[in-house]
Amino acid sequence: MPRERTLCQGNVRYAKGTYAMNERLMFRVGLTGAIATAVCCVTPILPFGLALLGLGAWSAGLDYILLPMLVFFGAMAGLALARKRSSAKISGSGGA
């Protein structure tokens, strides 16, 4: 029976074929997505851009897409911060 190959990242082993996003990358993606979504939500950049392209009718349903995206990316950044703080507490208390 073949052994399952594992990839080692830090102190945690992941099975081959799985990918774990590290906290720094997750925070950057979450923050960038939240900021981009907030700019499109709060300021009328996206509706004006769509109107210039002749797609102004599409801007009527943007709130159904942009607000959930804002929540998703904000939660992603928050989860990355929580994971980073949790791992810092675990690694900091190991020597005591």
N, C-alpha and C. Protein backbone atom coordinates (compact mmCIF):
# COMPACT_ATOMS: atom_id res chain seq x y z
N MET A 1 0.85 -1.18 0.00
CA MET A 1 0.00 0.00 0.00
C MET A 1 0.90 1.25 0.00
N PRO A 2 0.71 2.16 -0.96
CA PRO A 2 1.59 3.35 -1.00
C PRO A 2 1.29 4.31 0.15
N ARG A 3 2.38 4.90 0.65
CA ARG A 3 2.23 5.89 1.71
C ARG A 3 1.76 7.22 1.13
N GLU A 4 0.97 7.91 1.90
CA GLU A 4 0.49 9.23 1.46
C GLU A 4 1.61 10.24 1.67
N ARG A 5 1.91 10.99 0.64
CA ARG A 5 2.96 12.00 0.75
C ARG A 5 2.41 13.23 1.47
N THR A 6 3.22 13.82 2.29
CA THR A 6 2.78 15.02 2.99
C THR A 6 3.76 16.15 2.72
N LEU A 7 3.24 17.34 2.73
CA LEU A 7 4.05 18.54 2.61
C LEU A 7 4.17 19.16 3.99
N CYS A 8 5.33 19.63 4.32
CA CYS A 8 5.52 20.19 5.66
C CYS A 8 5.61 21.71 5.55
N GLN A 9 4.83 22.40 6.34
CA GLN A 9 4.86 23.86 6.37
C GLN A 9 4.83 24.26 7.84
N GLY A 10 5.95 24.74 8.34
CA GLY A 10 6.03 25.06 9.77
C GLY A 10 5.96 23.79 10.58
N ASN A 11 5.12 23.75 11.58
CA ASN A 11 4.95 22.57 12.41
C ASN A 11 3.74 21.73 12.01
N VAL A 12 3.06 22.12 10.95
CA VAL A 12 1.82 21.44 10.55
C VAL A 12 2.07 20.70 9.25
N ARG A 13 1.60 19.47 9.16
CA ARG A 13 1.73 18.69 7.93
C ARG A 13 0.40 18.71 7.18
N TYR A 14 0.49 18.94 5.87
CA TYR A 14 -0.69 18.95 5.01
C TYR A 14 -0.55 17.82 4.01
N ALA A 15 -1.63 17.13 3.73
CA ALA A 15 -1.61 16.06 2.74
C ALA A 15 -1.35 16.65 1.36
N LYS A 16 -0.71 15.85 0.51
CA LYS A 16 -0.41 16.31 -0.84
C LYS A 16 -1.71 16.65 -1.57
N GLY A 17 -1.72 17.75 -2.27
CA GLY A 17 -2.90 18.16 -3.01
C GLY A 17 -3.75 19.16 -2.25
N THR A 18 -3.49 19.37 -0.97
CA THR A 18 -4.22 20.38 -0.21
C THR A 18 -3.36 21.62 -0.13
N TYR A 19 -3.99 22.74 0.03
CA TYR A 19 -3.27 24.01 0.09
C TYR A 19 -3.81 24.81 1.25
N ALA A 20 -2.93 25.26 2.09
CA ALA A 20 -3.33 26.10 3.21
C ALA A 20 -2.80 27.50 2.96
N MET A 21 -3.69 28.48 2.90
CA MET A 21 -3.29 29.86 2.69
C MET A 21 -2.75 30.41 4.00
N ASN A 22 -1.56 30.96 3.96
CA ASN A 22 -1.02 31.50 5.20
C ASN A 22 -1.73 32.79 5.59
N GLU A 23 -1.56 33.16 6.84
CA GLU A 23 -2.33 34.29 7.37
C GLU A 23 -2.00 35.60 6.67
N ARG A 24 -0.74 35.80 6.32
CA ARG A 24 -0.35 37.07 5.69
C ARG A 24 -1.01 37.23 4.33
N LEU A 25 -1.00 36.17 3.53
CA LEU A 25 -1.63 36.24 2.21
C LEU A 25 -3.14 36.37 2.34
N MET A 26 -3.74 35.64 3.28
CA MET A 26 -5.18 35.73 3.48
C MET A 26 -5.58 37.13 3.91
N PHE A 27 -4.79 37.75 4.79
CA PHE A 27 -5.09 39.11 5.23
C PHE A 27 -4.98 40.09 4.08
N ARG A 28 -3.94 39.96 3.26
CA ARG A 28 -3.76 40.87 2.13
C ARG A 28 -4.90 40.75 1.13
N VAL A 29 -5.28 39.52 0.80
CA VAL A 29 -6.38 39.31 -0.15
C VAL A 29 -7.69 39.85 0.42
N GLY A 30 -7.95 39.56 1.70
CA GLY A 30 -9.18 40.04 2.33
C GLY A 30 -9.25 41.55 2.40
N LEU A 31 -8.14 42.17 2.80
CA LEU A 31 -8.12 43.63 2.92
C LEU A 31 -8.23 44.30 1.55
N THR A 32 -7.51 43.78 0.58
CA THR A 32 -7.58 44.35 -0.77
C THR A 32 -8.98 44.21 -1.36
N GLY A 33 -9.57 43.05 -1.19
CA GLY A 33 -10.93 42.84 -1.70
C GLY A 33 -11.95 43.71 -0.99
N ALA A 34 -11.79 43.85 0.33
CA ALA A 34 -12.73 44.69 1.09
C ALA A 34 -12.60 46.16 0.67
N ILE A 35 -11.39 46.63 0.47
CA ILE A 35 -11.19 48.02 0.07
C ILE A 35 -11.74 48.25 -1.34
N ALA A 36 -11.45 47.33 -2.26
CA ALA A 36 -11.95 47.49 -3.63
C ALA A 36 -13.47 47.45 -3.67
N THR A 37 -14.06 46.55 -2.89
CA THR A 37 -15.51 46.47 -2.86
C THR A 37 -16.12 47.70 -2.21
N ALA A 38 -15.49 48.20 -1.15
CA ALA A 38 -15.99 49.40 -0.48
C ALA A 38 -15.92 50.62 -1.41
N VAL A 39 -14.86 50.71 -2.19
CA VAL A 39 -14.74 51.82 -3.13
C VAL A 39 -15.86 51.76 -4.17
N CYS A 40 -16.18 50.56 -4.62
CA CYS A 40 -17.26 50.42 -5.60
C CYS A 40 -18.63 50.63 -4.97
N CYS A 41 -18.76 50.31 -3.68
CA CYS A 41 -20.05 50.45 -2.99
C CYS A 41 -20.31 51.90 -2.58
N VAL A 42 -19.34 52.47 -1.90
CA VAL A 42 -19.53 53.77 -1.29
C VAL A 42 -19.47 54.89 -2.32
N THR A 43 -18.50 54.85 -3.18
CA THR A 43 -18.38 55.89 -4.20
C THR A 43 -19.04 55.39 -5.48
N PRO A 44 -19.54 56.27 -6.26
CA PRO A 44 -20.24 55.85 -7.49
C PRO A 44 -19.31 55.59 -8.66
N ILE A 45 -18.13 55.03 -8.41
CA ILE A 45 -17.19 54.77 -9.50
C ILE A 45 -17.74 53.72 -10.45
N LEU A 46 -18.22 52.63 -9.91
CA LEU A 46 -18.70 51.54 -10.75
C LEU A 46 -19.94 51.92 -11.56
N PRO A 47 -20.97 52.56 -10.98
CA PRO A 47 -22.11 52.95 -11.81
C PRO A 47 -21.75 53.93 -12.92
N PHE A 48 -20.85 54.88 -12.63
CA PHE A 48 -20.44 55.82 -13.68
C PHE A 48 -19.65 55.10 -14.77
N GLY A 49 -18.79 54.18 -14.35
CA GLY A 49 -18.03 53.41 -15.33
C GLY A 49 -18.92 52.56 -16.21
N LEU A 50 -19.92 51.93 -15.60
CA LEU A 50 -20.86 51.14 -16.38
C LEU A 50 -21.68 52.02 -17.31
N ALA A 51 -22.05 53.21 -16.84
CA ALA A 51 -22.82 54.13 -17.69
C ALA A 51 -22.00 54.59 -18.89
N LEU A 52 -20.71 54.82 -18.67
CA LEU A 52 -19.85 55.22 -19.79
C LEU A 52 -19.73 54.11 -20.83
N LEU A 53 -19.81 52.87 -20.38
CA LEU A 53 -19.72 51.73 -21.31
C LEU A 53 -21.07 51.38 -21.92
N GLY A 54 -22.12 52.09 -21.51
CA GLY A 54 -23.45 51.80 -22.03
C GLY A 54 -24.15 50.66 -21.29
N LEU A 55 -23.64 50.34 -20.10
CA LEU A 55 -24.21 49.25 -19.30
C LEU A 55 -24.80 49.77 -18.00
N GLY A 56 -25.35 50.97 -18.03
CA GLY A 56 -25.89 51.60 -16.83
C GLY A 56 -27.04 50.84 -16.20
N ALA A 57 -27.78 50.08 -16.97
CA ALA A 57 -28.91 49.32 -16.41
C ALA A 57 -28.43 48.22 -15.47
N TRP A 58 -27.19 47.76 -15.63
CA TRP A 58 -26.65 46.72 -14.75
C TRP A 58 -26.39 47.22 -13.34
N SER A 59 -26.27 48.52 -13.18
CA SER A 59 -25.93 49.06 -11.85
C SER A 59 -27.10 48.97 -10.87
N ALA A 60 -28.28 48.65 -11.34
CA ALA A 60 -29.43 48.54 -10.43
C ALA A 60 -29.28 47.38 -9.46
N GLY A 61 -28.66 46.30 -9.86
CA GLY A 61 -28.53 45.12 -9.00
C GLY A 61 -27.17 44.97 -8.36
N LEU A 62 -26.36 46.00 -8.40
CA LEU A 62 -25.00 45.88 -7.85
C LEU A 62 -24.98 45.67 -6.34
N ASP A 63 -25.96 46.21 -5.62
CA ASP A 63 -25.96 46.05 -4.17
C ASP A 63 -26.14 44.60 -3.76
N TYR A 64 -26.80 43.82 -4.60
CA TYR A 64 -26.98 42.40 -4.30
C TYR A 64 -25.67 41.62 -4.43
N ILE A 65 -24.72 42.17 -5.14
CA ILE A 65 -23.43 41.52 -5.32
C ILE A 65 -22.36 42.15 -4.44
N LEU A 66 -22.30 43.47 -4.41
CA LEU A 66 -21.21 44.16 -3.72
C LEU A 66 -21.28 44.06 -2.20
N LEU A 67 -22.46 44.14 -1.62
CA LEU A 67 -22.54 44.06 -0.16
C LEU A 67 -22.15 42.69 0.38
N PRO A 68 -22.59 41.58 -0.21
CA PRO A 68 -22.08 40.28 0.25
C PRO A 68 -20.58 40.12 0.03
N MET A 69 -20.06 40.69 -1.07
CA MET A 69 -18.61 40.63 -1.29
C MET A 69 -17.86 41.40 -0.21
N LEU A 70 -18.39 42.55 0.18
CA LEU A 70 -17.77 43.34 1.23
C LEU A 70 -17.74 42.57 2.54
N VAL A 71 -18.84 41.90 2.87
CA VAL A 71 -18.90 41.08 4.09
C VAL A 71 -17.92 39.92 3.99
N PHE A 72 -17.86 39.26 2.84
CA PHE A 72 -16.97 38.11 2.66
C PHE A 72 -15.51 38.50 2.83
N PHE A 73 -15.08 39.55 2.14
CA PHE A 73 -13.68 39.95 2.22
C PHE A 73 -13.33 40.51 3.60
N GLY A 74 -14.26 41.21 4.23
CA GLY A 74 -14.02 41.67 5.60
C GLY A 74 -13.88 40.51 6.57
N ALA A 75 -14.72 39.49 6.40
CA ALA A 75 -14.61 38.30 7.25
C ALA A 75 -13.32 37.55 6.98
N MET A 76 -12.88 37.53 5.74
CA MET A 76 -11.62 36.87 5.41
C MET A 76 -10.44 37.56 6.09
N ALA A 77 -10.42 38.89 6.05
CA ALA A 77 -9.35 39.63 6.72
C ALA A 77 -9.43 39.44 8.23
N GLY A 78 -10.64 39.44 8.80
CA GLY A 78 -10.80 39.22 10.23
C GLY A 78 -10.37 37.83 10.66
N LEU A 79 -10.67 36.82 9.85
CA LEU A 79 -10.26 35.46 10.16
C LEU A 79 -8.75 35.33 10.12
N ALA A 80 -8.11 35.98 9.16
CA ALA A 80 -6.65 35.94 9.08
C ALA A 80 -6.02 36.59 10.31
N LEU A 81 -6.59 37.71 10.76
CA LEU A 81 -6.06 38.35 11.97
C LEU A 81 -6.25 37.47 13.19
N ALA A 82 -7.41 36.84 13.30
CA ALA A 82 -7.67 35.96 14.44
C ALA A 82 -6.73 34.76 14.44
N ARG A 83 -6.49 34.18 13.26
CA ARG A 83 -5.58 33.05 13.17
C ARG A 83 -4.16 33.46 13.50
N LYS A 84 -3.76 34.65 13.06
CA LYS A 84 -2.40 35.14 13.33
C LYS A 84 -2.22 35.37 14.83
N ARG A 85 -3.20 35.99 15.46
CA ARG A 85 -3.10 36.23 16.91
C ARG A 85 -3.12 34.93 17.69
N SER A 86 -3.93 33.97 17.24
CA SER A 86 -4.01 32.68 17.92
C SER A 86 -2.68 31.93 17.81
N SER A 87 -2.08 31.94 16.63
CA SER A 87 -0.80 31.24 16.48
C SER A 87 0.32 31.97 17.22
N ALA A 88 0.22 33.30 17.36
CA ALA A 88 1.23 34.04 18.11
C ALA A 88 1.13 33.72 19.59
N LYS A 89 -0.10 33.57 20.11
CA LYS A 89 -0.28 33.22 21.52
C LYS A 89 0.25 31.81 21.81
N ILE A 90 0.00 30.88 20.88
CA ILE A 90 0.44 29.50 21.08
C ILE A 90 1.96 29.42 21.05
N SER A 91 2.58 30.08 20.07
CA SER A 91 4.03 30.01 19.98
C SER A 91 4.71 30.82 21.08
N GLY A 92 4.06 31.87 21.57
CA GLY A 92 4.65 32.69 22.63
C GLY A 92 4.56 32.03 24.00
N SER A 93 3.57 31.20 24.22
CA SER A 93 3.41 30.57 25.53
C SER A 93 4.14 29.26 25.64
N GLY A 94 4.78 28.79 24.57
CA GLY A 94 5.47 27.51 24.59
C GLY A 94 6.70 27.50 25.48
N GLY A 95 7.38 28.62 25.64
CA GLY A 95 8.61 28.66 26.42
C GLY A 95 8.38 28.91 27.89
N ALA A 96 7.18 29.21 28.33
CA ALA A 96 6.93 29.56 29.72
C ALA A 96 6.72 28.40 30.60
